[in-house]
Amino acid sequence: MATNQAPVGFSSPPPPLRKRRHKPDWLTAYMFLAPAAAIFAGFVVYPLFDGVSTAFTNRAVAQSGVFVGLQNFTHLFSDPQFRVAAWNSLLLTLGTVILKLVLGLTFAVLLSQPMPMRGVIRALAFLPWAVPGMIASLSFKWIFDEQSGVLQYLVLQLGLSDQPVYWLSDPSVALFAVAIAMVWQGLPFFTMMFVAALASIPSDLNEAAAIDGAGVVRRFFSVTLPQMYGVIAVTVMLSTIWTFNSFEMVFVLTGGGPAGRTHIMPTLAYDYAIAQSQLGLGSAVIVSVIPVFVILIFLLTKRMLNRGTE
């Protein structure tokens, strides 16, 4: 008769283990996310919602105001000062970002070459990025000072001009001076990002292209640059946002003058909201360009990333 007993010296096989199904613990996840969500809502969502809602009211400093619909926006679109600020913001953002892109690529390539004391040179090149914006603005205000500024002294001593250059009070020169300061402050960020991108490119790609007979210029545009499209897209997008929203450089150097000719959107919003105590009008300045700004950033990022995947 057959028995179910195992032979002597052998143990019966263990019963098969059942797979335990781990149910997601949503409550624990929400508990961990709750502090971050509360901070995000308090410092980002609420101020954004309050700013957008204020744009549709006649709210002033220490006054709640009432809903006025699109009255603030119709006033802005008929205001010549708003058109000047919008044009200055667009011109300053595009001009400085393009210049920083070209110079950043050039400096990154140079700093990636073998050279003595390369680490020290890189540290000095990245130093302006560590300088706070207000300190940089005050430094450039001294440099561009029309009475005792170092740049005025050099222009006159080197014979570049027979007359003093009114860097911050001449409407045709003031915006250019602001652009120089913005490029100096933002260029190290481009250089740092591109140096890191160049270091991550496999060397065998350039070596293979060189074996195929490609020169230095062709290797850069056909091998190196396509590998950097993703980093370039992110860098340009971030710099565009920061440059467009830059406030302290224009505020400290020119204050929007002379005669409002160097106003950009943030300084015009400050002038309306704080100087003229029209918080609703000041909020409308920023809210009016949010859709256009988001579309431009989206198209720029999509174009750059699509080129990088080709």
C-alpha atoms as a PDB file:
ATOM      1  CA  MET A   1       0.000   0.000   0.000  1.00  0.00           C
ATOM      2  CA  ALA A   2       1.309   3.397  -0.957  1.00  0.00           C
ATOM      3  CA  THR A   3       1.837   5.818   1.806  1.00  0.00           C
ATOM      4  CA  ASN A   4       2.318   9.588   1.764  1.00  0.00           C
ATOM      5  CA  GLN A   5       5.276   9.365   4.127  1.00  0.00           C
ATOM      6  CA  ALA A   6       8.574  10.625   2.737  1.00  0.00           C
ATOM      7  CA  PRO A   7      11.536   8.246   2.593  1.00  0.00           C
ATOM      8  CA  VAL A   8      13.819   8.138   5.546  1.00  0.00           C
ATOM      9  CA  GLY A   9      16.436  10.890   5.324  1.00  0.00           C
ATOM     10  CA  PHE A  10      14.298  13.106   3.116  1.00  0.00           C
ATOM     11  CA  SER A  11      11.914  15.836   4.244  1.00  0.00           C
ATOM     12  CA  SER A  12       8.708  16.645   2.477  1.00  0.00           C
ATOM     13  CA  PRO A  13       8.824  19.745   0.221  1.00  0.00           C
ATOM     14  CA  PRO A  14       7.504  22.922   1.809  1.00  0.00           C
ATOM     15  CA  PRO A  15       4.112  24.126   0.719  1.00  0.00           C
ATOM     16  CA  PRO A  16       4.178  26.754  -2.055  1.00  0.00           C
ATOM     17  CA  LEU A  17       4.346  30.312  -0.815  1.00  0.00           C
ATOM     18  CA  ARG A  18       1.511  32.578  -1.664  1.00  0.00           C
ATOM     19  CA  LYS A  19       2.449  35.928  -3.106  1.00  0.00           C
ATOM     20  CA  ARG A  20       1.346  38.684  -0.840  1.00  0.00           C
ATOM     21  CA  ARG A  21      -0.227  41.577  -2.599  1.00  0.00           C
ATOM     22  CA  HIS A  22       0.994  44.863  -1.211  1.00  0.00           C
ATOM     23  CA  LYS A  23      -1.732  47.422  -1.372  1.00  0.00           C
ATOM     24  CA  PRO A  24      -0.477  50.978  -1.829  1.00  0.00           C
ATOM     25  CA  ASP A  25      -0.628  52.912   1.390  1.00  0.00           C
ATOM     26  CA  TRP A  26      -2.066  56.163   0.027  1.00  0.00           C
ATOM     27  CA  LEU A  27      -2.642  57.598   3.459  1.00  0.00           C
ATOM     28  CA  THR A  28       1.038  57.378   4.371  1.00  0.00           C
ATOM     29  CA  ALA A  29       2.051  58.883   1.046  1.00  0.00           C
ATOM     30  CA  TYR A  30      -0.316  61.821   1.518  1.00  0.00           C
ATOM     31  CA  MET A  31       0.952  62.364   5.048  1.00  0.00           C
ATOM     32  CA  PHE A  32       4.529  62.706   3.759  1.00  0.00           C
ATOM     33  CA  LEU A  33       3.435  64.993   0.922  1.00  0.00           C
ATOM     34  CA  ALA A  34       1.190  67.186   3.054  1.00  0.00           C
ATOM     35  CA  PRO A  35       3.930  69.506   4.482  1.00  0.00           C
ATOM     36  CA  ALA A  36       5.442  70.156   1.055  1.00  0.00           C
ATOM     37  CA  ALA A  37       1.996  70.645  -0.463  1.00  0.00           C
ATOM     38  CA  ALA A  38       1.050  73.109   2.280  1.00  0.00           C
ATOM     39  CA  ILE A  39       4.241  75.127   1.748  1.00  0.00           C
ATOM     40  CA  PHE A  40       3.738  75.098  -2.026  1.00  0.00           C
ATOM     41  CA  ALA A  41       0.141  76.222  -1.675  1.00  0.00           C
ATOM     42  CA  GLY A  42       0.992  78.955   0.810  1.00  0.00           C
ATOM     43  CA  PHE A  43       4.008  80.416  -0.989  1.00  0.00           C
ATOM     44  CA  VAL A  44       3.209  79.726  -4.662  1.00  0.00           C
ATOM     45  CA  VAL A  45      -0.435  78.916  -5.370  1.00  0.00           C
ATOM     46  CA  TYR A  46      -2.049  81.506  -3.095  1.00  0.00           C
ATOM     47  CA  PRO A  47       0.187  84.452  -4.150  1.00  0.00           C
ATOM     48  CA  LEU A  48      -0.345  83.531  -7.796  1.00  0.00           C
ATOM     49  CA  PHE A  49      -4.109  83.305  -7.374  1.00  0.00           C
ATOM     50  CA  ASP A  50      -4.173  86.542  -5.383  1.00  0.00           C
ATOM     51  CA  GLY A  51      -2.107  88.362  -8.004  1.00  0.00           C
ATOM     52  CA  VAL A  52      -4.312  87.200 -10.870  1.00  0.00           C
ATOM     53  CA  SER A  53      -7.501  88.083  -9.013  1.00  0.00           C
ATOM     54  CA  THR A  54      -6.085  91.506  -8.054  1.00  0.00           C
ATOM     55  CA  ALA A  55      -5.563  92.321 -11.731  1.00  0.00           C
ATOM     56  CA  PHE A  56      -9.345  92.426 -12.164  1.00  0.00           C
ATOM     57  CA  THR A  57      -9.935  94.875  -9.302  1.00  0.00           C
ATOM     58  CA  ASN A  58      -9.135  98.502  -8.526  1.00  0.00           C
ATOM     59  CA  ARG A  59      -7.332  97.453  -5.375  1.00  0.00           C
ATOM     60  CA  ALA A  60      -4.887  99.963  -3.903  1.00  0.00           C
ATOM     61  CA  VAL A  61      -2.475  99.994  -0.979  1.00  0.00           C
ATOM     62  CA  ALA A  62      -4.491  99.558   2.257  1.00  0.00           C
ATOM     63  CA  GLN A  63      -7.719  99.346   0.203  1.00  0.00           C
ATOM     64  CA  SER A  64      -9.481  96.148  -0.783  1.00  0.00           C
ATOM     65  CA  GLY A  65     -11.005  97.466  -4.003  1.00  0.00           C
ATOM     66  CA  VAL A  66     -13.873  96.112  -6.072  1.00  0.00           C
ATOM     67  CA  PHE A  67     -14.137  93.999  -9.194  1.00  0.00           C
ATOM     68  CA  VAL A  68     -13.723  96.099 -12.362  1.00  0.00           C
ATOM     69  CA  GLY A  69     -13.469  93.380 -14.992  1.00  0.00           C
ATOM     70  CA  LEU A  70     -11.096  94.148 -17.869  1.00  0.00           C
ATOM     71  CA  GLN A  71     -10.802  97.849 -17.075  1.00  0.00           C
ATOM     72  CA  ASN A  72      -7.153  97.574 -15.996  1.00  0.00           C
ATOM     73  CA  PHE A  73      -6.189  95.732 -19.175  1.00  0.00           C
ATOM     74  CA  THR A  74      -7.957  98.166 -21.488  1.00  0.00           C
ATOM     75  CA  HIS A  75      -6.143 100.990 -19.706  1.00  0.00           C
ATOM     76  CA  LEU A  76      -2.777  99.274 -20.151  1.00  0.00           C
ATOM     77  CA  PHE A  77      -3.218  98.514 -23.836  1.00  0.00           C
ATOM     78  CA  SER A  78      -3.969 102.182 -24.493  1.00  0.00           C
ATOM     79  CA  ASP A  79      -1.039 103.379 -22.366  1.00  0.00           C
ATOM     80  CA  PRO A  80       2.109 104.249 -24.398  1.00  0.00           C
ATOM     81  CA  GLN A  81       4.259 103.535 -21.327  1.00  0.00           C
ATOM     82  CA  PHE A  82       3.066  99.929 -21.311  1.00  0.00           C
ATOM     83  CA  ARG A  83       4.040  99.468 -24.956  1.00  0.00           C
ATOM     84  CA  VAL A  84       7.492 100.911 -24.259  1.00  0.00           C
ATOM     85  CA  ALA A  85       7.978  98.550 -21.305  1.00  0.00           C
ATOM     86  CA  ALA A  86       6.788  95.545 -23.317  1.00  0.00           C
ATOM     87  CA  TRP A  87       9.167  96.354 -26.165  1.00  0.00           C
ATOM     88  CA  ASN A  88      12.079  96.925 -23.788  1.00  0.00           C
ATOM     89  CA  SER A  89      11.415  93.606 -22.031  1.00  0.00           C
ATOM     90  CA  LEU A  90      11.308  91.736 -25.326  1.00  0.00           C
ATOM     91  CA  LEU A  91      14.392  93.465 -26.712  1.00  0.00           C
ATOM     92  CA  LEU A  92      16.394  93.095 -23.514  1.00  0.00           C
ATOM     93  CA  THR A  93      15.467  89.435 -23.035  1.00  0.00           C
ATOM     94  CA  LEU A  94      16.149  88.317 -26.603  1.00  0.00           C
ATOM     95  CA  GLY A  95      19.322  90.367 -26.956  1.00  0.00           C
ATOM     96  CA  THR A  96      20.953  89.327 -23.698  1.00  0.00           C
ATOM     97  CA  VAL A  97      19.949  85.659 -23.938  1.00  0.00           C
ATOM     98  CA  ILE A  98      21.317  85.341 -27.470  1.00  0.00           C
ATOM     99  CA  LEU A  99      24.533  87.100 -26.483  1.00  0.00           C
ATOM    100  CA  LYS A 100      24.940  84.924 -23.393  1.00  0.00           C
ATOM    101  CA  LEU A 101      24.306  81.822 -25.489  1.00  0.00           C
ATOM    102  CA  VAL A 102      27.001  82.668 -28.041  1.00  0.00           C
ATOM    103  CA  LEU A 103      29.553  83.833 -25.481  1.00  0.00           C
ATOM    104  CA  GLY A 104      28.727  80.952 -23.130  1.00  0.00           C
ATOM    105  CA  LEU A 105      29.400  78.366 -25.845  1.00  0.00           C
ATOM    106  CA  THR A 106      32.648  80.102 -26.783  1.00  0.00           C
ATOM    107  CA  PHE A 107      33.935  80.321 -23.220  1.00  0.00           C
ATOM    108  CA  ALA A 108      32.846  76.763 -22.446  1.00  0.00           C
ATOM    109  CA  VAL A 109      34.839  75.406 -25.367  1.00  0.00           C
ATOM    110  CA  LEU A 110      37.884  77.428 -24.329  1.00  0.00           C
ATOM    111  CA  LEU A 111      37.639  76.395 -20.677  1.00  0.00           C
ATOM    112  CA  SER A 112      37.332  72.734 -21.677  1.00  0.00           C
ATOM    113  CA  GLN A 113      40.741  72.748 -23.360  1.00  0.00           C
ATOM    114  CA  PRO A 114      43.829  71.554 -21.440  1.00  0.00           C
ATOM    115  CA  MET A 115      45.634  74.554 -19.948  1.00  0.00           C
ATOM    116  CA  PRO A 116      47.709  75.414 -16.875  1.00  0.00           C
ATOM    117  CA  MET A 117      45.668  76.316 -13.793  1.00  0.00           C
ATOM    118  CA  ARG A 118      42.429  75.449 -15.545  1.00  0.00           C
ATOM    119  CA  GLY A 119      40.593  74.970 -12.238  1.00  0.00           C
ATOM    120  CA  VAL A 120      41.528  78.448 -11.022  1.00  0.00           C
ATOM    121  CA  ILE A 121      40.545  80.036 -14.326  1.00  0.00           C
ATOM    122  CA  ARG A 122      37.190  78.248 -14.241  1.00  0.00           C
ATOM    123  CA  ALA A 123      36.553  79.436 -10.687  1.00  0.00           C
ATOM    124  CA  LEU A 124      37.251  83.031 -11.676  1.00  0.00           C
ATOM    125  CA  ALA A 125      35.013  82.703 -14.736  1.00  0.00           C
ATOM    126  CA  PHE A 126      32.137  81.370 -12.615  1.00  0.00           C
ATOM    127  CA  LEU A 127      32.580  83.965  -9.859  1.00  0.00           C
ATOM    128  CA  PRO A 128      30.069  86.569 -11.156  1.00  0.00           C
ATOM    129  CA  TRP A 129      27.284  84.013 -10.785  1.00  0.00           C
ATOM    130  CA  ALA A 130      27.904  83.940  -7.015  1.00  0.00           C
ATOM    131  CA  VAL A 131      27.608  87.723  -6.626  1.00  0.00           C
ATOM    132  CA  PRO A 132      24.143  88.760  -5.330  1.00  0.00           C
ATOM    133  CA  GLY A 133      22.100  90.706  -7.835  1.00  0.00           C
ATOM    134  CA  MET A 134      21.827  93.826  -5.692  1.00  0.00           C
ATOM    135  CA  ILE A 135      25.581  94.001  -5.142  1.00  0.00           C
ATOM    136  CA  ALA A 136      26.215  93.534  -8.867  1.00  0.00           C
ATOM    137  CA  SER A 137      23.694  96.281  -9.648  1.00  0.00           C
ATOM    138  CA  LEU A 138      25.336  98.714  -7.250  1.00  0.00           C
ATOM    139  CA  SER A 139      28.768  97.873  -8.668  1.00  0.00           C
ATOM    140  CA  PHE A 140      27.644  98.624 -12.202  1.00  0.00           C
ATOM    141  CA  LYS A 141      25.985 101.826 -11.049  1.00  0.00           C
ATOM    142  CA  TRP A 142      29.430 102.953  -9.890  1.00  0.00           C
ATOM    143  CA  ILE A 143      31.058 101.741 -13.119  1.00  0.00           C
ATOM    144  CA  PHE A 144      28.537 103.659 -15.257  1.00  0.00           C
ATOM    145  CA  ASP A 145      28.561 106.760 -13.060  1.00  0.00           C
ATOM    146  CA  GLU A 146      28.714 109.780 -15.349  1.00  0.00           C
ATOM    147  CA  GLN A 147      30.857 111.876 -13.012  1.00  0.00           C
ATOM    148  CA  SER A 148      33.337 109.534 -11.336  1.00  0.00           C
ATOM    149  CA  GLY A 149      32.693 106.140 -12.955  1.00  0.00           C
ATOM    150  CA  VAL A 150      35.652 104.063 -14.088  1.00  0.00           C
ATOM    151  CA  LEU A 151      34.134 103.490 -17.536  1.00  0.00           C
ATOM    152  CA  GLN A 152      33.707 107.227 -18.098  1.00  0.00           C
ATOM    153  CA  TYR A 153      37.335 107.760 -17.108  1.00  0.00           C
ATOM    154  CA  LEU A 154      38.581 105.099 -19.542  1.00  0.00           C
ATOM    155  CA  VAL A 155      36.508 106.447 -22.431  1.00  0.00           C
ATOM    156  CA  LEU A 156      37.886 109.944 -21.992  1.00  0.00           C
ATOM    157  CA  GLN A 157      41.475 108.926 -21.269  1.00  0.00           C
ATOM    158  CA  LEU A 158      41.704 106.541 -24.232  1.00  0.00           C
ATOM    159  CA  GLY A 159      40.240 109.150 -26.538  1.00  0.00           C
ATOM    160  CA  LEU A 160      37.248 107.029 -27.514  1.00  0.00           C
ATOM    161  CA  SER A 161      35.000 110.061 -27.134  1.00  0.00           C
ATOM    162  CA  ASP A 162      35.544 113.796 -26.811  1.00  0.00           C
ATOM    163  CA  GLN A 163      32.404 114.224 -24.729  1.00  0.00           C
ATOM    164  CA  PRO A 164      31.244 112.349 -21.611  1.00  0.00           C
ATOM    165  CA  VAL A 165      28.938 109.433 -22.313  1.00  0.00           C
ATOM    166  CA  TYR A 166      25.768 109.597 -20.274  1.00  0.00           C
ATOM    167  CA  TRP A 167      25.444 105.881 -19.736  1.00  0.00           C
ATOM    168  CA  LEU A 168      22.372 105.909 -17.496  1.00  0.00           C
ATOM    169  CA  SER A 169      20.642 109.172 -18.430  1.00  0.00           C
ATOM    170  CA  ASP A 170      20.807 109.057 -22.223  1.00  0.00           C
ATOM    171  CA  PRO A 171      17.718 107.201 -23.536  1.00  0.00           C
ATOM    172  CA  SER A 172      19.668 105.800 -26.486  1.00  0.00           C
ATOM    173  CA  VAL A 173      22.459 104.376 -24.283  1.00  0.00           C
ATOM    174  CA  ALA A 174      20.818 103.483 -20.954  1.00  0.00           C
ATOM    175  CA  LEU A 175      19.184 100.238 -22.109  1.00  0.00           C
ATOM    176  CA  PHE A 176      22.452  99.147 -23.694  1.00  0.00           C
ATOM    177  CA  ALA A 177      24.263  99.737 -20.376  1.00  0.00           C
ATOM    178  CA  VAL A 178      21.655  97.639 -18.569  1.00  0.00           C
ATOM    179  CA  ALA A 179      22.155  94.851 -21.128  1.00  0.00           C
ATOM    180  CA  ILE A 180      25.918  94.837 -20.505  1.00  0.00           C
ATOM    181  CA  ALA A 181      25.354  94.398 -16.774  1.00  0.00           C
ATOM    182  CA  MET A 182      22.826  91.594 -17.321  1.00  0.00           C
ATOM    183  CA  VAL A 183      25.160  89.730 -19.676  1.00  0.00           C
ATOM    184  CA  TRP A 184      28.043  89.986 -17.184  1.00  0.00           C
ATOM    185  CA  GLN A 185      25.883  88.592 -14.392  1.00  0.00           C
ATOM    186  CA  GLY A 186      24.216  85.779 -16.367  1.00  0.00           C
ATOM    187  CA  LEU A 187      27.090  84.619 -18.586  1.00  0.00           C
ATOM    188  CA  PRO A 188      28.723  82.347 -15.951  1.00  0.00           C
ATOM    189  CA  PHE A 189      25.514  80.301 -15.691  1.00  0.00           C
ATOM    190  CA  PHE A 190      25.612  79.539 -19.419  1.00  0.00           C
ATOM    191  CA  THR A 191      29.321  78.752 -19.221  1.00  0.00           C
ATOM    192  CA  MET A 192      28.908  76.380 -16.275  1.00  0.00           C
ATOM    193  CA  MET A 193      26.059  74.481 -17.926  1.00  0.00           C
ATOM    194  CA  PHE A 194      27.905  74.138 -21.217  1.00  0.00           C
ATOM    195  CA  VAL A 195      31.183  73.087 -19.586  1.00  0.00           C
ATOM    196  CA  ALA A 196      29.301  70.311 -17.792  1.00  0.00           C
ATOM    197  CA  ALA A 197      27.579  69.307 -21.042  1.00  0.00           C
ATOM    198  CA  LEU A 198      30.885  69.145 -22.909  1.00  0.00           C
ATOM    199  CA  ALA A 199      32.389  66.974 -20.188  1.00  0.00           C
ATOM    200  CA  SER A 200      29.541  64.459 -20.530  1.00  0.00           C
ATOM    201  CA  ILE A 201      29.998  63.915 -24.281  1.00  0.00           C
ATOM    202  CA  PRO A 202      31.826  60.626 -25.018  1.00  0.00           C
ATOM    203  CA  SER A 203      35.245  61.314 -26.494  1.00  0.00           C
ATOM    204  CA  ASP A 204      34.971  58.419 -28.941  1.00  0.00           C
ATOM    205  CA  LEU A 205      32.334  60.335 -30.938  1.00  0.00           C
ATOM    206  CA  ASN A 206      34.762  63.115 -31.792  1.00  0.00           C
ATOM    207  CA  GLU A 207      37.552  60.605 -32.356  1.00  0.00           C
ATOM    208  CA  ALA A 208      35.422  58.684 -34.845  1.00  0.00           C
ATOM    209  CA  ALA A 209      34.493  61.896 -36.644  1.00  0.00           C
ATOM    210  CA  ALA A 210      38.152  62.903 -36.785  1.00  0.00           C
ATOM    211  CA  ILE A 211      39.081  59.535 -38.274  1.00  0.00           C
ATOM    212  CA  ASP A 212      36.434  60.101 -40.943  1.00  0.00           C
ATOM    213  CA  GLY A 213      38.174  63.337 -41.876  1.00  0.00           C
ATOM    214  CA  ALA A 214      35.937  65.902 -40.136  1.00  0.00           C
ATOM    215  CA  GLY A 215      37.694  69.099 -39.130  1.00  0.00           C
ATOM    216  CA  VAL A 216      37.390  70.909 -35.806  1.00  0.00           C
ATOM    217  CA  VAL A 217      34.565  73.203 -36.916  1.00  0.00           C
ATOM    218  CA  ARG A 218      32.604  70.420 -38.550  1.00  0.00           C
ATOM    219  CA  ARG A 219      33.013  68.166 -35.512  1.00  0.00           C
ATOM    220  CA  PHE A 220      31.666  70.922 -33.284  1.00  0.00           C
ATOM    221  CA  PHE A 221      28.527  71.577 -35.343  1.00  0.00           C
ATOM    222  CA  SER A 222      27.890  67.959 -36.384  1.00  0.00           C
ATOM    223  CA  VAL A 223      28.872  66.033 -33.247  1.00  0.00           C
ATOM    224  CA  THR A 224      29.330  68.253 -30.213  1.00  0.00           C
ATOM    225  CA  LEU A 225      26.484  70.730 -30.634  1.00  0.00           C
ATOM    226  CA  PRO A 226      23.740  68.136 -31.290  1.00  0.00           C
ATOM    227  CA  GLN A 227      24.749  66.367 -28.074  1.00  0.00           C
ATOM    228  CA  MET A 228      24.190  69.617 -26.173  1.00  0.00           C
ATOM    229  CA  TYR A 229      20.704  70.503 -27.467  1.00  0.00           C
ATOM    230  CA  GLY A 230      18.955  69.320 -24.311  1.00  0.00           C
ATOM    231  CA  VAL A 231      21.221  71.345 -22.015  1.00  0.00           C
ATOM    232  CA  ILE A 232      20.976  74.370 -24.310  1.00  0.00           C
ATOM    233  CA  ALA A 233      17.170  74.207 -24.256  1.00  0.00           C
ATOM    234  CA  VAL A 234      16.990  74.103 -20.462  1.00  0.00           C
ATOM    235  CA  THR A 235      19.614  76.841 -20.055  1.00  0.00           C
ATOM    236  CA  VAL A 236      17.958  79.169 -22.542  1.00  0.00           C
ATOM    237  CA  MET A 237      14.531  78.580 -21.005  1.00  0.00           C
ATOM    238  CA  LEU A 238      15.718  79.323 -17.464  1.00  0.00           C
ATOM    239  CA  SER A 239      17.705  82.368 -18.539  1.00  0.00           C
ATOM    240  CA  THR A 240      14.736  83.722 -20.491  1.00  0.00           C
ATOM    241  CA  ILE A 241      12.524  83.463 -17.421  1.00  0.00           C
ATOM    242  CA  TRP A 242      15.114  85.038 -15.127  1.00  0.00           C
ATOM    243  CA  THR A 243      15.989  87.835 -17.548  1.00  0.00           C
ATOM    244  CA  PHE A 244      12.390  88.732 -18.258  1.00  0.00           C
ATOM    245  CA  ASN A 245      11.606  88.817 -14.543  1.00  0.00           C
ATOM    246  CA  SER A 246      14.818  90.622 -13.597  1.00  0.00           C
ATOM    247  CA  PHE A 247      14.001  93.650 -11.496  1.00  0.00           C
ATOM    248  CA  GLU A 248      16.925  94.872  -9.433  1.00  0.00           C
ATOM    249  CA  MET A 249      19.322  95.615 -12.314  1.00  0.00           C
ATOM    250  CA  VAL A 250      16.993  98.073 -14.078  1.00  0.00           C
ATOM    251  CA  PHE A 251      15.603  99.405 -10.811  1.00  0.00           C
ATOM    252  CA  VAL A 252      19.026 100.222  -9.353  1.00  0.00           C
ATOM    253  CA  LEU A 253      20.710 101.458 -12.539  1.00  0.00           C
ATOM    254  CA  THR A 254      17.992 103.609 -14.091  1.00  0.00           C
ATOM    255  CA  GLY A 255      14.803 103.221 -12.068  1.00  0.00           C
ATOM    256  CA  GLY A 256      12.968 102.992 -15.394  1.00  0.00           C
ATOM    257  CA  GLY A 257      14.244 106.397 -16.507  1.00  0.00           C
ATOM    258  CA  PRO A 258      15.069 108.625 -18.135  1.00  0.00           C
ATOM    259  CA  ALA A 259      11.432 109.601 -18.691  1.00  0.00           C
ATOM    260  CA  GLY A 260      10.360 105.967 -18.479  1.00  0.00           C
ATOM    261  CA  ARG A 261      12.407 104.974 -21.537  1.00  0.00           C
ATOM    262  CA  THR A 262      14.076 101.973 -19.834  1.00  0.00           C
ATOM    263  CA  HIS A 263      11.034 100.618 -18.038  1.00  0.00           C
ATOM    264  CA  ILE A 264      10.548  96.864 -18.352  1.00  0.00           C
ATOM    265  CA  MET A 265       7.486  94.924 -17.238  1.00  0.00           C
ATOM    266  CA  PRO A 266       8.593  94.263 -13.619  1.00  0.00           C
ATOM    267  CA  THR A 267       9.688  97.870 -13.006  1.00  0.00           C
ATOM    268  CA  LEU A 268       6.523  99.234 -14.611  1.00  0.00           C
ATOM    269  CA  ALA A 269       4.445  96.935 -12.405  1.00  0.00           C
ATOM    270  CA  TYR A 270       6.349  98.223  -9.363  1.00  0.00           C
ATOM    271  CA  ASP A 271       5.808 101.820 -10.458  1.00  0.00           C
ATOM    272  CA  TYR A 272       2.054 101.314 -10.806  1.00  0.00           C
ATOM    273  CA  ALA A 273       1.581  99.158  -7.714  1.00  0.00           C
ATOM    274  CA  ILE A 274       3.906 100.839  -5.192  1.00  0.00           C
ATOM    275  CA  ALA A 275       4.787 104.324  -6.420  1.00  0.00           C
ATOM    276  CA  GLN A 276       1.270 105.099  -7.683  1.00  0.00           C
ATOM    277  CA  SER A 277      -0.545 102.815  -5.198  1.00  0.00           C
ATOM    278  CA  GLN A 278      -2.502 101.013  -7.947  1.00  0.00           C
ATOM    279  CA  LEU A 279      -2.084  97.361  -7.052  1.00  0.00           C
ATOM    280  CA  GLY A 280      -4.716  96.233  -9.533  1.00  0.00           C
ATOM    281  CA  LEU A 281      -3.006  97.994 -12.427  1.00  0.00           C
ATOM    282  CA  GLY A 282       0.401  96.713 -11.368  1.00  0.00           C
ATOM    283  CA  SER A 283      -0.860  93.130 -11.222  1.00  0.00           C
ATOM    284  CA  ALA A 284      -2.456  93.534 -14.642  1.00  0.00           C
ATOM    285  CA  VAL A 285       0.961  94.397 -16.119  1.00  0.00           C
ATOM    286  CA  ILE A 286       2.365  90.989 -15.185  1.00  0.00           C
ATOM    287  CA  VAL A 287      -0.806  88.986 -15.822  1.00  0.00           C
ATOM    288  CA  SER A 288      -1.150  90.451 -19.325  1.00  0.00           C
ATOM    289  CA  VAL A 289       2.061  88.844 -20.541  1.00  0.00           C
ATOM    290  CA  ILE A 290       1.803  85.454 -18.814  1.00  0.00           C
ATOM    291  CA  PRO A 291       0.038  83.691 -21.754  1.00  0.00           C
ATOM    292  CA  VAL A 292       2.483  85.040 -24.329  1.00  0.00           C
ATOM    293  CA  PHE A 293       5.445  84.236 -22.117  1.00  0.00           C
ATOM    294  CA  VAL A 294       4.310  80.655 -21.502  1.00  0.00           C
ATOM    295  CA  ILE A 295       3.741  80.090 -25.236  1.00  0.00           C
ATOM    296  CA  LEU A 296       7.179  81.439 -26.142  1.00  0.00           C
ATOM    297  CA  ILE A 297       8.916  79.228 -23.590  1.00  0.00           C
ATOM    298  CA  PHE A 298       6.931  76.190 -24.714  1.00  0.00           C
ATOM    299  CA  LEU A 299       7.751  76.720 -28.383  1.00  0.00           C
ATOM    300  CA  LEU A 300      11.422  77.385 -27.657  1.00  0.00           C
ATOM    301  CA  THR A 301      11.811  74.293 -25.511  1.00  0.00           C
ATOM    302  CA  LYS A 302       9.910  72.075 -27.933  1.00  0.00           C
ATOM    303  CA  ARG A 303      11.965  73.267 -30.895  1.00  0.00           C
ATOM    304  CA  MET A 304      15.292  72.765 -29.158  1.00  0.00           C
ATOM    305  CA  LEU A 305      14.416  69.334 -27.777  1.00  0.00           C
ATOM    306  CA  ASN A 306      13.032  68.156 -31.114  1.00  0.00           C
ATOM    307  CA  ARG A 307      16.284  69.144 -32.810  1.00  0.00           C
ATOM    308  CA  GLY A 308      18.181  67.244 -30.155  1.00  0.00           C
ATOM    309  CA  THR A 309      16.308  64.017 -30.936  1.00  0.00           C
ATOM    310  CA  GLU A 310      16.780  64.221 -34.686  1.00  0.00           C
END
